[in-house]
Amino acid sequence: MTYPDFHTHQKGIENSIFNILPGDDIPDQNFSWGIHPWYLDGNWEKEMEKIEAESSNSNLMAIGECGFDLIKGPESDLQVRVFTAQANLAKKLGLPLLLHCVKGSHLLQEFLKKHPDSSPVIWHGFNQKPKTAENLLSFPIYFSFGKAILKQDSNAQQWLLKCPLDRIFFETDDSEVPISDIYQQASLLLGIPVTKLLDMVRDNWNRISNRKMT
């Protein structure tokens, strides 16, 4: 049994989407690529050109991580401008965006209100208060859950129990927790067999992306 991992920093894992960071080579597997706000600087347009040059690569599954970080990122105006550029590319390709968001949910809402036809946005590693997520459900927002659902009564656990099932994905991010453990925990919390969860998340992905996951 293989478990789709929709966002990981571990290369070479079957049925996973490896996230490229600055300096990484293009892997021979499914990958995501974007401009993370931590690494955003004056050379961002050159980085966008590199991403666009790989846009026909069928292994490019999503644009990201990208988004907003008001703790470690540069000024918010630049973050919004670069996120918008990446969102435009994702829409052109018919791919989802993988969102990194720290203290920036208001910027995300402002963007989505201005761009109601945005590509689907997957908030990776979601562990915010459920109210934050509830306020976004009128937009094309999806939620990827990672190791935080292993912690009793975490925000991630609370939202997983409330989240519409057609908005759910699972990931390992940069943790060493096996993706199978995360699916097993979700199965227990939701009362849904793992095999059904696997079918569900693949269907969720294939509904929002031009590049399918089998």
Protein backbone atom coordinates (compact mmCIF):
# COMPACT_ATOMS: atom_id res chain seq x y z
CA MET A 1 0.00 0.00 0.00
CA THR A 2 1.38 3.42 -0.96
CA TYR A 3 0.44 6.61 0.82
CA PRO A 4 0.40 9.86 -1.16
CA ASP A 5 2.55 12.49 0.55
CA PHE A 6 1.51 15.84 -0.84
CA HIS A 7 4.40 17.84 0.58
CA THR A 8 7.75 16.51 1.71
CA HIS A 9 11.39 17.52 1.95
CA GLN A 10 12.51 13.89 1.64
CA LYS A 11 13.62 13.00 -1.86
CA GLY A 12 12.91 9.69 -3.56
CA ILE A 13 9.83 8.64 -1.58
CA GLU A 14 7.29 6.80 -3.72
CA ASN A 15 4.07 8.65 -4.53
CA SER A 16 5.24 11.88 -2.90
CA ILE A 17 5.66 15.48 -3.99
CA PHE A 18 9.18 16.66 -3.17
CA ASN A 19 9.49 20.36 -2.41
CA ILE A 20 12.39 22.12 -4.13
CA LEU A 21 14.38 24.67 -2.14
CA PRO A 22 17.02 27.08 -3.49
CA GLY A 23 20.05 25.14 -4.67
CA ASP A 24 18.19 21.85 -5.17
CA ASP A 25 18.42 20.02 -8.48
CA ILE A 26 15.30 19.06 -10.40
CA PRO A 27 14.45 15.58 -9.11
CA ASP A 28 13.35 12.62 -11.20
CA GLN A 29 10.02 12.42 -9.39
CA ASN A 30 6.95 14.53 -8.68
CA PHE A 31 7.93 17.90 -7.23
CA SER A 32 6.68 21.33 -6.27
CA TRP A 33 8.59 24.53 -6.83
CA GLY A 34 7.97 28.07 -5.72
CA ILE A 35 9.50 31.09 -4.02
CA HIS A 36 9.20 30.68 -0.27
CA PRO A 37 8.92 34.00 1.59
CA TRP A 38 11.99 33.09 3.68
CA TYR A 39 14.12 33.10 0.53
CA LEU A 40 12.46 36.04 -1.20
CA ASP A 41 14.84 38.77 -2.33
CA GLY A 42 15.54 41.08 -5.22
CA ASN A 43 16.37 38.17 -7.53
CA TRP A 44 12.87 36.73 -7.36
CA GLU A 45 12.11 37.44 -11.04
CA LYS A 46 15.09 35.30 -12.09
CA GLU A 47 13.81 32.50 -9.86
CA MET A 48 10.40 32.83 -11.49
CA GLU A 49 12.04 32.45 -14.88
CA LYS A 50 13.62 29.18 -13.75
CA ILE A 51 10.28 27.87 -12.53
CA GLU A 52 8.54 28.90 -15.73
CA ALA A 53 11.25 27.14 -17.75
CA GLU A 54 10.23 23.87 -16.04
CA SER A 55 6.51 24.51 -16.41
CA SER A 56 6.10 21.87 -19.13
CA ASN A 57 7.79 19.23 -16.95
CA SER A 58 4.99 16.77 -16.18
CA ASN A 59 6.58 16.05 -12.78
CA LEU A 60 5.91 19.63 -11.65
CA MET A 61 2.76 19.06 -9.65
CA ALA A 62 2.28 22.34 -7.76
CA ILE A 63 3.64 25.85 -7.37
CA GLY A 64 5.06 26.42 -3.91
CA GLU A 65 5.84 26.64 -1.18
CA CYS A 66 4.85 30.24 -1.55
CA GLY A 67 2.85 32.64 0.53
CA PHE A 68 3.18 35.00 3.45
CA ASP A 69 5.39 35.11 6.52
CA LEU A 70 5.27 38.31 8.56
CA ILE A 71 7.86 37.01 11.02
CA LYS A 72 10.70 35.83 8.77
CA GLY A 73 9.76 37.29 5.39
CA PRO A 74 10.47 40.68 3.75
CA GLU A 75 7.99 43.56 3.57
CA SER A 76 4.43 42.45 2.97
CA ASP A 77 3.98 44.40 -0.29
CA LEU A 78 6.76 42.38 -1.90
CA GLN A 79 5.36 39.14 -0.55
CA VAL A 80 1.94 39.92 -2.03
CA ARG A 81 3.45 40.86 -5.41
CA VAL A 82 5.50 37.65 -5.65
CA PHE A 83 2.63 35.46 -4.42
CA THR A 84 0.41 37.00 -7.09
CA ALA A 85 2.98 36.22 -9.80
CA GLN A 86 3.13 32.60 -8.66
CA ALA A 87 -0.65 32.36 -8.44
CA ASN A 88 -0.90 33.60 -12.04
CA LEU A 89 1.53 30.89 -13.18
CA ALA A 90 -0.36 28.21 -11.25
CA LYS A 91 -3.62 29.29 -12.86
CA LYS A 92 -2.04 29.23 -16.31
CA LEU A 93 -0.80 25.67 -15.73
CA GLY A 94 -3.92 24.44 -13.97
CA LEU A 95 -1.94 23.54 -10.86
CA PRO A 96 -2.61 24.20 -7.17
CA LEU A 97 -0.54 26.49 -4.97
CA LEU A 98 1.17 25.12 -1.85
CA LEU A 99 0.80 27.79 0.81
CA HIS A 100 3.17 28.76 3.60
CA CYS A 101 1.38 31.22 5.86
CA VAL A 102 2.55 32.66 9.18
CA LYS A 103 0.68 35.66 10.59
CA GLY A 104 -0.48 36.40 7.06
CA SER A 105 -4.00 34.98 6.79
CA HIS A 106 -5.37 38.51 6.31
CA LEU A 107 -3.11 38.92 3.26
CA LEU A 108 -4.37 35.60 1.92
CA GLN A 109 -7.99 36.68 2.36
CA GLU A 110 -7.33 40.01 0.66
CA PHE A 111 -5.73 38.22 -2.28
CA LEU A 112 -8.60 35.74 -2.62
CA LYS A 113 -11.23 38.47 -2.46
CA LYS A 114 -9.45 40.25 -5.33
CA HIS A 115 -8.94 37.00 -7.28
CA PRO A 116 -12.05 34.86 -6.74
CA ASP A 117 -11.05 32.64 -9.68
CA SER A 118 -7.65 31.82 -8.16
CA SER A 119 -6.09 28.40 -8.55
CA PRO A 120 -6.82 26.14 -5.58
CA VAL A 121 -4.62 26.91 -2.59
CA ILE A 122 -3.43 24.10 -0.29
CA TRP A 123 -2.43 25.40 3.14
CA HIS A 124 0.35 22.99 3.99
CA GLY A 125 1.03 21.78 7.52
CA PHE A 126 -2.16 23.42 8.77
CA ASN A 127 -2.16 23.91 12.54
CA GLN A 128 -4.01 27.17 13.01
CA LYS A 129 -7.18 27.76 15.00
CA PRO A 130 -10.24 26.18 13.35
CA LYS A 131 -11.87 29.61 13.12
CA THR A 132 -9.09 30.74 10.78
CA ALA A 133 -9.92 27.86 8.44
CA GLU A 134 -13.68 28.31 8.71
CA ASN A 135 -13.30 31.92 7.53
CA LEU A 136 -11.68 30.65 4.32
CA LEU A 137 -14.15 27.98 3.26
CA SER A 138 -15.91 30.25 0.79
CA PHE A 139 -12.63 30.34 -1.18
CA PRO A 140 -10.86 27.51 -3.06
CA ILE A 141 -8.79 26.61 0.00
CA TYR A 142 -7.65 23.11 0.94
CA PHE A 143 -5.77 21.89 4.01
CA SER A 144 -2.81 19.52 4.24
CA PHE A 145 -2.30 17.91 7.64
CA GLY A 146 1.02 16.67 8.97
CA LYS A 147 2.57 15.55 12.23
CA ALA A 148 0.50 18.04 14.27
CA ILE A 149 -2.49 15.68 14.10
CA LEU A 150 -0.47 13.25 16.23
CA LYS A 151 -0.67 15.71 19.14
CA GLN A 152 -3.76 15.38 21.30
CA ASP A 153 -6.24 18.27 20.91
CA SER A 154 -3.92 20.27 18.64
CA ASN A 155 -5.45 22.89 16.36
CA ALA A 156 -4.75 20.51 13.50
CA GLN A 157 -6.69 17.70 15.17
CA GLN A 158 -9.60 20.02 15.92
CA TRP A 159 -9.82 21.27 12.36
CA LEU A 160 -9.38 17.83 10.80
CA LEU A 161 -12.53 16.73 12.64
CA LYS A 162 -14.50 19.68 11.23
CA CYS A 163 -12.92 20.10 7.80
CA PRO A 164 -14.97 19.10 4.75
CA LEU A 165 -13.53 15.82 3.54
CA ASP A 166 -13.17 17.12 -0.01
CA ARG A 167 -10.67 19.73 1.26
CA ILE A 168 -8.19 17.36 2.93
CA PHE A 169 -4.63 16.23 2.13
CA PHE A 170 -1.77 14.73 4.19
CA GLU A 171 1.98 15.38 4.29
CA THR A 172 5.22 14.81 6.17
CA ASP A 173 6.85 18.20 5.44
CA ASP A 174 10.33 18.16 7.03
CA SER A 175 9.52 15.63 9.77
CA GLU A 176 10.80 12.07 9.96
CA VAL A 177 7.36 10.74 10.88
CA PRO A 178 6.31 8.11 8.29
CA ILE A 179 3.43 9.28 6.14
CA SER A 180 1.67 6.01 6.96
CA ASP A 181 1.53 7.08 10.64
CA ILE A 182 -0.23 10.29 9.68
CA TYR A 183 -2.82 8.41 7.62
CA GLN A 184 -3.35 5.90 10.43
CA GLN A 185 -3.94 8.71 12.91
CA ALA A 186 -6.36 10.46 10.56
CA SER A 187 -8.18 7.17 10.07
CA LEU A 188 -8.64 6.80 13.83
CA LEU A 189 -9.74 10.41 14.33
CA LEU A 190 -12.20 10.42 11.44
CA GLY A 191 -13.42 6.86 11.78
CA ILE A 192 -12.68 6.25 8.10
CA PRO A 193 -10.70 3.23 6.83
CA VAL A 194 -7.24 4.08 5.54
CA THR A 195 -8.05 2.63 2.12
CA LYS A 196 -10.99 5.02 1.82
CA LEU A 197 -8.81 7.95 2.92
CA LEU A 198 -6.29 7.07 0.22
CA ASP A 199 -8.97 7.08 -2.47
CA MET A 200 -10.44 10.29 -1.09
CA VAL A 201 -7.24 12.35 -1.13
CA ARG A 202 -6.31 11.15 -4.62
CA ASP A 203 -9.77 12.17 -5.83
CA ASN A 204 -9.38 15.53 -4.10
CA TRP A 205 -6.07 16.13 -5.88
CA ASN A 206 -7.24 14.99 -9.30
CA ARG A 207 -10.26 17.25 -9.06
CA ILE A 208 -8.17 20.41 -8.61
CA SER A 209 -5.04 19.71 -10.68
CA ASN A 210 -4.34 19.20 -14.37
CA ARG A 211 -1.51 16.84 -13.39
CA LYS A 212 -3.03 13.73 -11.88
CA MET A 213 -1.90 11.46 -9.09
CA THR A 214 -2.60 7.77 -9.56
